[in-house]
Amino acid sequence: MEFKIEIRNKKGVFDPLGNGIKKNIKDLGISGVKKVNVSRVFIISGDISEPDAKRIAEELLADPITEEYTIGHRPQATSHKQRIVEIAYNPGVMDPVEESARKAIKDMGIYGVKFLRTERKY
């Protein structure tokens, strides 16, 4: 089964990466961007169950104090003023977060992961 786990800051938690990107956009001379939100996305597939995916999200990927997560494939509705950009590594390019996550998932006793990919969602 395949799961898309999205980790994002809880409402009210300062997002330094999003604010830095917003500043970079402004420095490029692009105006009109009011806010940038950043999420980490993990696409995990293999012989794992939904309880396994939930355990991975809660115990490994999300900080319960500052972050929240969703599991699934729910596309977010966007208005004409909002845009979503997802960026992933190209195939064959080493992703250190991917390798660390794979090892940590095995250390948790979950061995069915066949595929794991990370993305950033802006």
PDB file of N, CA and C in Angstrom:
ATOM      1  N   MET A   1       0.841  -1.179   0.000  1.00  0.00           N
ATOM      2  CA  MET A   1       0.000   0.000   0.000  1.00  0.00           C
ATOM      3  C   MET A   1       0.888   1.245   0.000  1.00  0.00           C
ATOM      4  N   GLU A   2       0.370   2.343  -0.536  1.00  0.00           N
ATOM      5  CA  GLU A   2       1.140   3.586  -0.588  1.00  0.00           C
ATOM      6  C   GLU A   2       0.489   4.639   0.304  1.00  0.00           C
ATOM      7  N   PHE A   3       1.330   5.361   1.032  1.00  0.00           N
ATOM      8  CA  PHE A   3       0.861   6.427   1.916  1.00  0.00           C
ATOM      9  C   PHE A   3       1.656   7.692   1.643  1.00  0.00           C
ATOM     10  N   LYS A   4       0.951   8.816   1.667  1.00  0.00           N
ATOM     11  CA  LYS A   4       1.586  10.132   1.555  1.00  0.00           C
ATOM     12  C   LYS A   4       1.414  10.800   2.906  1.00  0.00           C
ATOM     13  N   ILE A   5       2.529  10.993   3.598  1.00  0.00           N
ATOM     14  CA  ILE A   5       2.511  11.610   4.919  1.00  0.00           C
ATOM     15  C   ILE A   5       3.047  13.030   4.779  1.00  0.00           C
ATOM     16  N   GLU A   6       2.226  13.993   5.155  1.00  0.00           N
ATOM     17  CA  GLU A   6       2.630  15.395   5.066  1.00  0.00           C
ATOM     18  C   GLU A   6       2.778  15.963   6.471  1.00  0.00           C
ATOM     19  N   ILE A   7       3.947  16.535   6.744  1.00  0.00           N
ATOM     20  CA  ILE A   7       4.264  17.124   8.046  1.00  0.00           C
ATOM     21  C   ILE A   7       4.345  18.635   7.875  1.00  0.00           C
ATOM     22  N   ARG A   8       3.603  19.365   8.699  1.00  0.00           N
ATOM     23  CA  ARG A   8       3.636  20.830   8.630  1.00  0.00           C
ATOM     24  C   ARG A   8       3.551  21.408  10.041  1.00  0.00           C
ATOM     25  N   ASN A   9       3.958  22.658  10.158  1.00  0.00           N
ATOM     26  CA  ASN A   9       3.884  23.332  11.455  1.00  0.00           C
ATOM     27  C   ASN A   9       2.429  23.521  11.854  1.00  0.00           C
ATOM     28  N   LYS A  10       2.173  23.433  13.159  1.00  0.00           N
ATOM     29  CA  LYS A  10       0.844  23.739  13.678  1.00  0.00           C
ATOM     30  C   LYS A  10       0.579  25.229  13.507  1.00  0.00           C
ATOM     31  N   LYS A  11      -0.691  25.580  13.465  1.00  0.00           N
ATOM     32  CA  LYS A  11      -1.058  26.995  13.358  1.00  0.00           C
ATOM     33  C   LYS A  11      -0.467  27.753  14.549  1.00  0.00           C
ATOM     34  N   GLY A  12       0.093  28.914  14.257  1.00  0.00           N
ATOM     35  CA  GLY A  12       0.668  29.743  15.299  1.00  0.00           C
ATOM     36  C   GLY A  12       2.141  29.487  15.556  1.00  0.00           C
ATOM     37  N   VAL A  13       2.703  28.432  14.971  1.00  0.00           N
ATOM     38  CA  VAL A  13       4.124  28.133  15.133  1.00  0.00           C
ATOM     39  C   VAL A  13       4.885  28.836  14.010  1.00  0.00           C
ATOM     40  N   PHE A  14       5.906  29.593  14.376  1.00  0.00           N
ATOM     41  CA  PHE A  14       6.710  30.340  13.402  1.00  0.00           C
ATOM     42  C   PHE A  14       7.378  29.380  12.426  1.00  0.00           C
ATOM     43  N   ASP A  15       7.316  29.707  11.136  1.00  0.00           N
ATOM     44  CA  ASP A  15       7.918  28.895  10.078  1.00  0.00           C
ATOM     45  C   ASP A  15       9.114  29.647   9.495  1.00  0.00           C
ATOM     46  N   PRO A  16      10.327  29.416  10.021  1.00  0.00           N
ATOM     47  CA  PRO A  16      11.476  30.178   9.537  1.00  0.00           C
ATOM     48  C   PRO A  16      11.808  29.889   8.071  1.00  0.00           C
ATOM     49  N   LEU A  17      11.634  28.654   7.635  1.00  0.00           N
ATOM     50  CA  LEU A  17      11.931  28.326   6.243  1.00  0.00           C
ATOM     51  C   LEU A  17      10.963  29.041   5.299  1.00  0.00           C
ATOM     52  N   GLY A  18       9.680  29.003   5.623  1.00  0.00           N
ATOM     53  CA  GLY A  18       8.689  29.701   4.795  1.00  0.00           C
ATOM     54  C   GLY A  18       8.927  31.197   4.748  1.00  0.00           C
ATOM     55  N   ASN A  19       9.260  31.779   5.898  1.00  0.00           N
ATOM     56  CA  ASN A  19       9.535  33.221   5.931  1.00  0.00           C
ATOM     57  C   ASN A  19      10.805  33.571   5.165  1.00  0.00           C
ATOM     58  N   GLY A  20      11.818  32.708   5.225  1.00  0.00           N
ATOM     59  CA  GLY A  20      13.050  32.939   4.463  1.00  0.00           C
ATOM     60  C   GLY A  20      12.802  32.876   2.962  1.00  0.00           C
ATOM     61  N   ILE A  21      11.985  31.929   2.541  1.00  0.00           N
ATOM     62  CA  ILE A  21      11.668  31.812   1.119  1.00  0.00           C
ATOM     63  C   ILE A  21      10.866  33.023   0.652  1.00  0.00           C
ATOM     64  N   LYS A  22       9.944  33.464   1.484  1.00  0.00           N
ATOM     65  CA  LYS A  22       9.166  34.658   1.142  1.00  0.00           C
ATOM     66  C   LYS A  22      10.088  35.867   0.956  1.00  0.00           C
ATOM     67  N   LYS A  23      11.079  35.998   1.847  1.00  0.00           N
ATOM     68  CA  LYS A  23      12.038  37.104   1.721  1.00  0.00           C
ATOM     69  C   LYS A  23      12.857  36.975   0.439  1.00  0.00           C
ATOM     70  N   ASN A  24      13.280  35.754   0.112  1.00  0.00           N
ATOM     71  CA  ASN A  24      14.040  35.534  -1.128  1.00  0.00           C
ATOM     72  C   ASN A  24      13.211  35.900  -2.361  1.00  0.00           C
ATOM     73  N   ILE A  25      11.935  35.571  -2.335  1.00  0.00           N
ATOM     74  CA  ILE A  25      11.044  35.915  -3.449  1.00  0.00           C
ATOM     75  C   ILE A  25      10.960  37.434  -3.590  1.00  0.00           C
ATOM     76  N   LYS A  26      10.814  38.120  -2.464  1.00  0.00           N
ATOM     77  CA  LYS A  26      10.751  39.586  -2.484  1.00  0.00           C
ATOM     78  C   LYS A  26      12.064  40.174  -2.999  1.00  0.00           C
ATOM     79  N   ASP A  27      13.210  39.577  -2.572  1.00  0.00           N
ATOM     80  CA  ASP A  27      14.520  40.054  -3.026  1.00  0.00           C
ATOM     81  C   ASP A  27      14.698  39.892  -4.538  1.00  0.00           C
ATOM     82  N   LEU A  28      13.980  38.945  -5.123  1.00  0.00           N
ATOM     83  CA  LEU A  28      14.037  38.758  -6.577  1.00  0.00           C
ATOM     84  C   LEU A  28      13.179  39.780  -7.322  1.00  0.00           C
ATOM     85  N   GLY A  29      12.470  40.613  -6.569  1.00  0.00           N
ATOM     86  CA  GLY A  29      11.640  41.641  -7.184  1.00  0.00           C
ATOM     87  C   GLY A  29      10.219  41.189  -7.474  1.00  0.00           C
ATOM     88  N   ILE A  30       9.836  40.046  -6.936  1.00  0.00           N
ATOM     89  CA  ILE A  30       8.481  39.538  -7.137  1.00  0.00           C
ATOM     90  C   ILE A  30       7.627  40.004  -5.964  1.00  0.00           C
ATOM     91  N   SER A  31       6.600  40.751  -6.271  1.00  0.00           N
ATOM     92  CA  SER A  31       5.738  41.255  -5.199  1.00  0.00           C
ATOM     93  C   SER A  31       4.414  40.495  -5.205  1.00  0.00           C
ATOM     94  N   GLY A  32       3.684  40.640  -4.144  1.00  0.00           N
ATOM     95  CA  GLY A  32       2.363  40.042  -4.078  1.00  0.00           C
ATOM     96  C   GLY A  32       2.288  38.732  -3.315  1.00  0.00           C
ATOM     97  N   VAL A  33       3.428  38.144  -2.979  1.00  0.00           N
ATOM     98  CA  VAL A  33       3.404  36.903  -2.198  1.00  0.00           C
ATOM     99  C   VAL A  33       3.219  37.286  -0.738  1.00  0.00           C
ATOM    100  N   LYS A  34       2.091  36.888  -0.177  1.00  0.00           N
ATOM    101  CA  LYS A  34       1.772  37.275   1.189  1.00  0.00           C
ATOM    102  C   LYS A  34       2.295  36.283   2.224  1.00  0.00           C
ATOM    103  N   LYS A  35       2.336  35.003   1.870  1.00  0.00           N
ATOM    104  CA  LYS A  35       2.765  33.991   2.834  1.00  0.00           C
ATOM    105  C   LYS A  35       3.271  32.761   2.088  1.00  0.00           C
ATOM    106  N   VAL A  36       4.287  32.104   2.672  1.00  0.00           N
ATOM    107  CA  VAL A  36       4.793  30.842   2.136  1.00  0.00           C
ATOM    108  C   VAL A  36       4.762  29.828   3.269  1.00  0.00           C
ATOM    109  N   ASN A  37       4.064  28.723   3.053  1.00  0.00           N
ATOM    110  CA  ASN A  37       4.030  27.614   4.005  1.00  0.00           C
ATOM    111  C   ASN A  37       4.862  26.479   3.434  1.00  0.00           C
ATOM    112  N   VAL A  38       5.607  25.817   4.290  1.00  0.00           N
ATOM    113  CA  VAL A  38       6.455  24.711   3.854  1.00  0.00           C
ATOM    114  C   VAL A  38       6.065  23.451   4.609  1.00  0.00           C
ATOM    115  N   SER A  39       5.943  22.346   3.871  1.00  0.00           N
ATOM    116  CA  SER A  39       5.659  21.038   4.470  1.00  0.00           C
ATOM    117  C   SER A  39       6.698  20.047   3.986  1.00  0.00           C
ATOM    118  N   ARG A  40       6.975  19.073   4.838  1.00  0.00           N
ATOM    119  CA  ARG A  40       7.800  17.929   4.426  1.00  0.00           C
ATOM    120  C   ARG A  40       6.839  16.813   4.048  1.00  0.00           C
ATOM    121  N   VAL A  41       7.102  16.151   2.935  1.00  0.00           N
ATOM    122  CA  VAL A  41       6.230  15.081   2.445  1.00  0.00           C
ATOM    123  C   VAL A  41       7.054  13.807   2.314  1.00  0.00           C
ATOM    124  N   PHE A  42       6.480  12.712   2.804  1.00  0.00           N
ATOM    125  CA  PHE A  42       7.106  11.396   2.690  1.00  0.00           C
ATOM    126  C   PHE A  42       6.130  10.485   1.964  1.00  0.00           C
ATOM    127  N   ILE A  43       6.550   9.913   0.854  1.00  0.00           N
ATOM    128  CA  ILE A  43       5.743   8.939   0.120  1.00  0.00           C
ATOM    129  C   ILE A  43       6.349   7.580   0.439  1.00  0.00           C
ATOM    130  N   ILE A  44       5.552   6.736   1.074  1.00  0.00           N
ATOM    131  CA  ILE A  44       6.027   5.433   1.544  1.00  0.00           C
ATOM    132  C   ILE A  44       5.114   4.360   0.973  1.00  0.00           C
ATOM    133  N   SER A  45       5.711   3.346   0.364  1.00  0.00           N
ATOM    134  CA  SER A  45       4.896   2.245  -0.134  1.00  0.00           C
ATOM    135  C   SER A  45       5.585   0.924   0.166  1.00  0.00           C
ATOM    136  N   GLY A  46       4.783  -0.109   0.132  1.00  0.00           N
ATOM    137  CA  GLY A  46       5.284  -1.447   0.411  1.00  0.00           C
ATOM    138  C   GLY A  46       4.253  -2.231   1.185  1.00  0.00           C
ATOM    139  N   ASP A  47       4.723  -3.218   1.884  1.00  0.00           N
ATOM    140  CA  ASP A  47       3.844  -4.087   2.662  1.00  0.00           C
ATOM    141  C   ASP A  47       3.696  -3.511   4.073  1.00  0.00           C
ATOM    142  N   ILE A  48       3.058  -2.335   4.154  1.00  0.00           N
ATOM    143  CA  ILE A  48       2.814  -1.700   5.449  1.00  0.00           C
ATOM    144  C   ILE A  48       1.327  -1.351   5.553  1.00  0.00           C
ATOM    145  N   SER A  49       0.841  -1.321   6.758  1.00  0.00           N
ATOM    146  CA  SER A  49      -0.571  -1.042   7.012  1.00  0.00           C
ATOM    147  C   SER A  49      -0.757   0.424   7.385  1.00  0.00           C
ATOM    148  N   GLU A  50      -2.007   0.853   7.451  1.00  0.00           N
ATOM    149  CA  GLU A  50      -2.284   2.222   7.888  1.00  0.00           C
ATOM    150  C   GLU A  50      -1.829   2.462   9.326  1.00  0.00           C
ATOM    151  N   PRO A  51      -2.015   1.496  10.249  1.00  0.00           N
ATOM    152  CA  PRO A  51      -1.455   1.711  11.593  1.00  0.00           C
ATOM    153  C   PRO A  51       0.067   1.867  11.587  1.00  0.00           C
ATOM    154  N   ASP A  52       0.764   1.145  10.684  1.00  0.00           N
ATOM    155  CA  ASP A  52       2.217   1.317  10.555  1.00  0.00           C
ATOM    156  C   ASP A  52       2.535   2.743  10.104  1.00  0.00           C
ATOM    157  N   ALA A  53       1.807   3.225   9.094  1.00  0.00           N
ATOM    158  CA  ALA A  53       2.041   4.581   8.584  1.00  0.00           C
ATOM    159  C   ALA A  53       1.782   5.620   9.671  1.00  0.00           C
ATOM    160  N   LYS A  54       0.724   5.420  10.444  1.00  0.00           N
ATOM    161  CA  LYS A  54       0.415   6.349  11.539  1.00  0.00           C
ATOM    162  C   LYS A  54       1.523   6.324  12.597  1.00  0.00           C
ATOM    163  N   ARG A  55       2.006   5.144  12.905  1.00  0.00           N
ATOM    164  CA  ARG A  55       3.094   5.023  13.889  1.00  0.00           C
ATOM    165  C   ARG A  55       4.365   5.716  13.391  1.00  0.00           C
ATOM    166  N   ILE A  56       4.679   5.532  12.106  1.00  0.00           N
ATOM    167  CA  ILE A  56       5.850   6.195  11.514  1.00  0.00           C
ATOM    168  C   ILE A  56       5.697   7.708  11.620  1.00  0.00           C
ATOM    169  N   ALA A  57       4.518   8.224  11.283  1.00  0.00           N
ATOM    170  CA  ALA A  57       4.282   9.669  11.332  1.00  0.00           C
ATOM    171  C   ALA A  57       4.400  10.197  12.755  1.00  0.00           C
ATOM    172  N   GLU A  58       3.767   9.503  13.706  1.00  0.00           N
ATOM    173  CA  GLU A  58       3.734   9.993  15.087  1.00  0.00           C
ATOM    174  C   GLU A  58       5.053   9.833  15.822  1.00  0.00           C
ATOM    175  N   GLU A  59       5.697   8.685  15.662  1.00  0.00           N
ATOM    176  CA  GLU A  59       6.894   8.394  16.452  1.00  0.00           C
ATOM    177  C   GLU A  59       8.199   8.829  15.799  1.00  0.00           C
ATOM    178  N   LEU A  60       8.187   9.000  14.479  1.00  0.00           N
ATOM    179  CA  LEU A  60       9.444   9.282  13.791  1.00  0.00           C
ATOM    180  C   LEU A  60       9.452  10.636  13.077  1.00  0.00           C
ATOM    181  N   LEU A  61       8.421  10.942  12.334  1.00  0.00           N
ATOM    182  CA  LEU A  61       8.496  12.082  11.416  1.00  0.00           C
ATOM    183  C   LEU A  61       8.035  13.409  12.005  1.00  0.00           C
ATOM    184  N   ALA A  62       6.989  13.404  12.814  1.00  0.00           N
ATOM    185  CA  ALA A  62       6.410  14.668  13.310  1.00  0.00           C
ATOM    186  C   ALA A  62       6.797  14.921  14.761  1.00  0.00           C
ATOM    187  N   ASP A  63       7.106  16.170  15.063  1.00  0.00           N
ATOM    188  CA  ASP A  63       7.320  16.608  16.438  1.00  0.00           C
ATOM    189  C   ASP A  63       5.950  16.984  16.994  1.00  0.00           C
ATOM    190  N   PRO A  64       5.426  16.240  17.969  1.00  0.00           N
ATOM    191  CA  PRO A  64       4.060  16.481  18.432  1.00  0.00           C
ATOM    192  C   PRO A  64       3.840  17.855  19.079  1.00  0.00           C
ATOM    193  N   ILE A  65       4.901  18.524  19.469  1.00  0.00           N
ATOM    194  CA  ILE A  65       4.763  19.837  20.099  1.00  0.00           C
ATOM    195  C   ILE A  65       4.517  20.919  19.046  1.00  0.00           C
ATOM    196  N   THR A  66       5.247  20.871  17.943  1.00  0.00           N
ATOM    197  CA  THR A  66       5.191  21.968  16.968  1.00  0.00           C
ATOM    198  C   THR A  66       4.595  21.582  15.624  1.00  0.00           C
ATOM    199  N   GLU A  67       4.432  20.285  15.367  1.00  0.00           N
ATOM    200  CA  GLU A  67       4.001  19.858  14.042  1.00  0.00           C
ATOM    201  C   GLU A  67       2.744  18.993  14.092  1.00  0.00           C
ATOM    202  N   GLU A  68       2.064  18.940  12.958  1.00  0.00           N
ATOM    203  CA  GLU A  68       0.932  18.048  12.776  1.00  0.00           C
ATOM    204  C   GLU A  68       1.134  17.312  11.456  1.00  0.00           C
ATOM    205  N   TYR A  69       0.395  16.233  11.265  1.00  0.00           N
ATOM    206  CA  TYR A  69       0.562  15.458  10.044  1.00  0.00           C
ATOM    207  C   TYR A  69      -0.781  15.030   9.489  1.00  0.00           C
ATOM    208  N   THR A  70      -0.769  14.711   8.199  1.00  0.00           N
ATOM    209  CA  THR A  70      -1.911  14.079   7.549  1.00  0.00           C
ATOM    210  C   THR A  70      -1.378  12.884   6.773  1.00  0.00           C
ATOM    211  N   ILE A  71      -2.226  11.872   6.643  1.00  0.00           N
ATOM    212  CA  ILE A  71      -1.876  10.687   5.869  1.00  0.00           C
ATOM    213  C   ILE A  71      -2.942  10.510   4.809  1.00  0.00           C
ATOM    214  N   GLY A  72      -2.526  10.314   3.595  1.00  0.00           N
ATOM    215  CA  GLY A  72      -3.477  10.064   2.517  1.00  0.00           C
ATOM    216  C   GLY A  72      -3.089  10.759   1.245  1.00  0.00           C
ATOM    217  N   HIS A  73      -4.067  10.919   0.393  1.00  0.00           N
ATOM    218  CA  HIS A  73      -3.852  11.550  -0.912  1.00  0.00           C
ATOM    219  C   HIS A  73      -4.858  12.657  -1.145  1.00  0.00           C
ATOM    220  N   ARG A  74      -5.219  13.353  -0.104  1.00  0.00           N
ATOM    221  CA  ARG A  74      -6.217  14.405  -0.243  1.00  0.00           C
ATOM    222  C   ARG A  74      -5.588  15.622  -0.913  1.00  0.00           C
ATOM    223  N   PRO A  75      -5.964  15.879  -2.161  1.00  0.00           N
ATOM    224  CA  PRO A  75      -5.434  17.097  -2.782  1.00  0.00           C
ATOM    225  C   PRO A  75      -6.063  18.319  -2.112  1.00  0.00           C
ATOM    226  N   GLN A  76      -5.250  19.306  -1.856  1.00  0.00           N
ATOM    227  CA  GLN A  76      -5.769  20.515  -1.225  1.00  0.00           C
ATOM    228  C   GLN A  76      -6.388  21.419  -2.281  1.00  0.00           C
ATOM    229  N   ALA A  77      -7.548  21.934  -1.976  1.00  0.00           N
ATOM    230  CA  ALA A  77      -8.165  22.910  -2.869  1.00  0.00           C
ATOM    231  C   ALA A  77      -7.395  24.224  -2.725  1.00  0.00           C
ATOM    232  N   THR A  78      -7.184  24.866  -3.840  1.00  0.00           N
ATOM    233  CA  THR A  78      -6.486  26.149  -3.812  1.00  0.00           C
ATOM    234  C   THR A  78      -7.354  27.186  -4.508  1.00  0.00           C
ATOM    235  N   SER A  79      -7.243  28.403  -4.066  1.00  0.00           N
ATOM    236  CA  SER A  79      -7.948  29.487  -4.737  1.00  0.00           C
ATOM    237  C   SER A  79      -7.084  29.956  -5.897  1.00  0.00           C
ATOM    238  N   HIS A  80      -7.627  30.854  -6.683  1.00  0.00           N
ATOM    239  CA  HIS A  80      -6.858  31.379  -7.809  1.00  0.00           C
ATOM    240  C   HIS A  80      -5.648  32.182  -7.340  1.00  0.00           C
ATOM    241  N   LYS A  81      -5.590  32.520  -6.062  1.00  0.00           N
ATOM    242  CA  LYS A  81      -4.459  33.277  -5.529  1.00  0.00           C
ATOM    243  C   LYS A  81      -3.445  32.380  -4.820  1.00  0.00           C
ATOM    244  N   GLN A  82      -3.742  31.098  -4.723  1.00  0.00           N
ATOM    245  CA  GLN A  82      -2.821  30.174  -4.063  1.00  0.00           C
ATOM    246  C   GLN A  82      -2.224  29.218  -5.089  1.00  0.00           C
ATOM    247  N   ARG A  83      -0.988  28.852  -4.843  1.00  0.00           N
ATOM    248  CA  ARG A  83      -0.316  27.875  -5.692  1.00  0.00           C
ATOM    249  C   ARG A  83       0.406  26.880  -4.801  1.00  0.00           C
ATOM    250  N   ILE A  84       0.467  25.630  -5.241  1.00  0.00           N
ATOM    251  CA  ILE A  84       1.219  24.599  -4.529  1.00  0.00           C
ATOM    252  C   ILE A  84       2.322  24.119  -5.447  1.00  0.00           C
ATOM    253  N   VAL A  85       3.535  24.066  -4.891  1.00  0.00           N
ATOM    254  CA  VAL A  85       4.685  23.555  -5.621  1.00  0.00           C
ATOM    255  C   VAL A  85       5.287  22.438  -4.786  1.00  0.00           C
ATOM    256  N   GLU A  86       5.451  21.255  -5.379  1.00  0.00           N
ATOM    257  CA  GLU A  86       6.111  20.132  -4.699  1.00  0.00           C
ATOM    258  C   GLU A  86       7.414  19.848  -5.428  1.00  0.00           C
ATOM    259  N   ILE A  87       8.478  19.742  -4.653  1.00  0.00           N
ATOM    260  CA  ILE A  87       9.805  19.519  -5.224  1.00  0.00           C
ATOM    261  C   ILE A  87      10.394  18.258  -4.614  1.00  0.00           C
ATOM    262  N   ALA A  88      10.879  17.368  -5.497  1.00  0.00           N
ATOM    263  CA  ALA A  88      11.486  16.109  -5.058  1.00  0.00           C
ATOM    264  C   ALA A  88      12.838  15.950  -5.747  1.00  0.00           C
ATOM    265  N   TYR A  89      13.667  15.094  -5.167  1.00  0.00           N
ATOM    266  CA  TYR A  89      14.939  14.756  -5.803  1.00  0.00           C
ATOM    267  C   TYR A  89      14.684  13.983  -7.090  1.00  0.00           C
ATOM    268  N   ASN A  90      15.543  14.168  -8.063  1.00  0.00           N
ATOM    269  CA  ASN A  90      15.469  13.374  -9.287  1.00  0.00           C
ATOM    270  C   ASN A  90      15.852  11.933  -8.990  1.00  0.00           C
ATOM    271  N   PRO A  91      15.325  10.984  -9.763  1.00  0.00           N
ATOM    272  CA  PRO A  91      15.734   9.582  -9.569  1.00  0.00           C
ATOM    273  C   PRO A  91      17.249   9.446  -9.702  1.00  0.00           C
ATOM    274  N   GLY A  92      17.828   8.673  -8.821  1.00  0.00           N
ATOM    275  CA  GLY A  92      19.274   8.445  -8.850  1.00  0.00           C
ATOM    276  C   GLY A  92      20.081   9.441  -8.041  1.00  0.00           C
ATOM    277  N   VAL A  93      19.463  10.519  -7.580  1.00  0.00           N
ATOM    278  CA  VAL A  93      20.155  11.511  -6.755  1.00  0.00           C
ATOM    279  C   VAL A  93      19.977  11.106  -5.299  1.00  0.00           C
ATOM    280  N   MET A  94      21.087  11.073  -4.556  1.00  0.00           N
ATOM    281  CA  MET A  94      21.029  10.644  -3.160  1.00  0.00           C
ATOM    282  C   MET A  94      20.270  11.648  -2.303  1.00  0.00           C
ATOM    283  N   ASP A  95      19.354  11.132  -1.517  1.00  0.00           N
ATOM    284  CA  ASP A  95      18.581  11.935  -0.577  1.00  0.00           C
ATOM    285  C   ASP A  95      18.913  11.426   0.824  1.00  0.00           C
ATOM    286  N   PRO A  96      19.722  12.163   1.596  1.00  0.00           N
ATOM    287  CA  PRO A  96      20.119  11.674   2.924  1.00  0.00           C
ATOM    288  C   PRO A  96      18.949  11.490   3.883  1.00  0.00           C
ATOM    289  N   VAL A  97      17.898  12.294   3.767  1.00  0.00           N
ATOM    290  CA  VAL A  97      16.734  12.144   4.635  1.00  0.00           C
ATOM    291  C   VAL A  97      16.048  10.808   4.337  1.00  0.00           C
ATOM    292  N   GLU A  98      15.966  10.465   3.070  1.00  0.00           N
ATOM    293  CA  GLU A  98      15.356   9.192   2.677  1.00  0.00           C
ATOM    294  C   GLU A  98      16.102   8.016   3.302  1.00  0.00           C
ATOM    295  N   GLU A  99      17.406   8.030   3.217  1.00  0.00           N
ATOM    296  CA  GLU A  99      18.203   6.927   3.765  1.00  0.00           C
ATOM    297  C   GLU A  99      18.062   6.844   5.285  1.00  0.00           C
ATOM    298  N   SER A 100      18.083   7.985   5.956  1.00  0.00           N
ATOM    299  CA  SER A 100      17.919   7.997   7.415  1.00  0.00           C
ATOM    300  C   SER A 100      16.540   7.487   7.820  1.00  0.00           C
ATOM    301  N   ALA A 101      15.514   7.913   7.082  1.00  0.00           N
ATOM    302  CA  ALA A 101      14.147   7.484   7.393  1.00  0.00           C
ATOM    303  C   ALA A 101      13.993   5.976   7.198  1.00  0.00           C
ATOM    304  N   ARG A 102      14.543   5.451   6.116  1.00  0.00           N
ATOM    305  CA  ARG A 102      14.482   3.993   5.877  1.00  0.00           C
ATOM    306  C   ARG A 102      15.100   3.223   7.044  1.00  0.00           C
ATOM    307  N   LYS A 103      16.278   3.663   7.479  1.00  0.00           N
ATOM    308  CA  LYS A 103      16.964   2.976   8.573  1.00  0.00           C
ATOM    309  C   LYS A 103      16.156   3.081   9.864  1.00  0.00           C
ATOM    310  N   ALA A 104      15.637   4.270  10.150  1.00  0.00           N
ATOM    311  CA  ALA A 104      14.867   4.469  11.381  1.00  0.00           C
ATOM    312  C   ALA A 104      13.582   3.642  11.376  1.00  0.00           C
ATOM    313  N   ILE A 105      12.945   3.517  10.225  1.00  0.00           N
ATOM    314  CA  ILE A 105      11.729   2.705  10.129  1.00  0.00           C
ATOM    315  C   ILE A 105      12.060   1.241  10.412  1.00  0.00           C
ATOM    316  N   LYS A 106      13.168   0.757   9.880  1.00  0.00           N
ATOM    317  CA  LYS A 106      13.586  -0.623  10.184  1.00  0.00           C
ATOM    318  C   LYS A 106      13.896  -0.779  11.670  1.00  0.00           C
ATOM    319  N   ASP A 107      14.537   0.235  12.255  1.00  0.00           N
ATOM    320  CA  ASP A 107      14.839   0.197  13.691  1.00  0.00           C
ATOM    321  C   ASP A 107      13.564   0.153  14.536  1.00  0.00           C
ATOM    322  N   MET A 108      12.453   0.654  13.989  1.00  0.00           N
ATOM    323  CA  MET A 108      11.163   0.615  14.682  1.00  0.00           C
ATOM    324  C   MET A 108      10.519  -0.771  14.587  1.00  0.00           C
ATOM    325  N   GLY A 109      11.119  -1.646  13.768  1.00  0.00           N
ATOM    326  CA  GLY A 109      10.565  -2.987  13.598  1.00  0.00           C
ATOM    327  C   GLY A 109       9.580  -3.099  12.452  1.00  0.00           C
ATOM    328  N   ILE A 110       9.546  -2.107  11.580  1.00  0.00           N
ATOM    329  CA  ILE A 110       8.673  -2.134  10.398  1.00  0.00           C
ATOM    330  C   ILE A 110       9.560  -2.423   9.190  1.00  0.00           C
ATOM    331  N   TYR A 111       9.407  -3.621   8.617  1.00  0.00           N
ATOM    332  CA  TYR A 111      10.328  -4.069   7.573  1.00  0.00           C
ATOM    333  C   TYR A 111       9.723  -4.095   6.174  1.00  0.00           C
ATOM    334  N   GLY A 112       8.451  -3.734   6.003  1.00  0.00           N
ATOM    335  CA  GLY A 112       7.794  -3.880   4.710  1.00  0.00           C
ATOM    336  C   GLY A 112       7.964  -2.730   3.740  1.00  0.00           C
ATOM    337  N   VAL A 113       8.724  -1.690   4.087  1.00  0.00           N
ATOM    338  CA  VAL A 113       8.854  -0.532   3.197  1.00  0.00           C
ATOM    339  C   VAL A 113       9.699  -0.915   1.987  1.00  0.00           C
ATOM    340  N   LYS A 114       9.098  -0.782   0.806  1.00  0.00           N
ATOM    341  CA  LYS A 114       9.803  -1.090  -0.447  1.00  0.00           C
ATOM    342  C   LYS A 114      10.284   0.188  -1.127  1.00  0.00           C
ATOM    343  N   PHE A 115       9.555   1.296  -0.917  1.00  0.00           N
ATOM    344  CA  PHE A 115       9.840   2.544  -1.606  1.00  0.00           C
ATOM    345  C   PHE A 115       9.596   3.697  -0.642  1.00  0.00           C
ATOM    346  N   LEU A 116      10.526   4.640  -0.619  1.00  0.00           N
ATOM    347  CA  LEU A 116      10.362   5.837   0.205  1.00  0.00           C
ATOM    348  C   LEU A 116      10.959   7.005  -0.559  1.00  0.00           C
ATOM    349  N   ARG A 117      10.201   8.063  -0.684  1.00  0.00           N
ATOM    350  CA  ARG A 117      10.673   9.268  -1.368  1.00  0.00           C
ATOM    351  C   ARG A 117      10.266  10.476  -0.525  1.00  0.00           C
ATOM    352  N   THR A 118      11.108  11.496  -0.521  1.00  0.00           N
ATOM    353  CA  THR A 118      10.775  12.721   0.204  1.00  0.00           C
ATOM    354  C   THR A 118      10.543  13.843  -0.789  1.00  0.00           C
ATOM    355  N   GLU A 119       9.730  14.804  -0.369  1.00  0.00           N
ATOM    356  CA  GLU A 119       9.457  15.995  -1.154  1.00  0.00           C
ATOM    357  C   GLU A 119       9.340  17.173  -0.204  1.00  0.00           C
ATOM    358  N   ARG A 120       9.438  18.347  -0.756  1.00  0.00           N
ATOM    359  CA  ARG A 120       9.103  19.590  -0.039  1.00  0.00           C
ATOM    360  C   ARG A 120       7.895  20.165  -0.736  1.00  0.00           C
ATOM    361  N   LYS A 121       6.954  20.616   0.054  1.00  0.00           N
ATOM    362  CA  LYS A 121       5.743  21.203  -0.502  1.00  0.00           C
ATOM    363  C   LYS A 121       5.695  22.655  -0.063  1.00  0.00           C
ATOM    364  N   TYR A 122       5.581  23.553  -1.024  1.00  0.00           N
ATOM    365  CA  TYR A 122       5.551  24.997  -0.756  1.00  0.00           C
ATOM    366  C   TYR A 122       4.185  25.537  -1.193  1.00  0.00           C
TER     367      TYR A 122
END
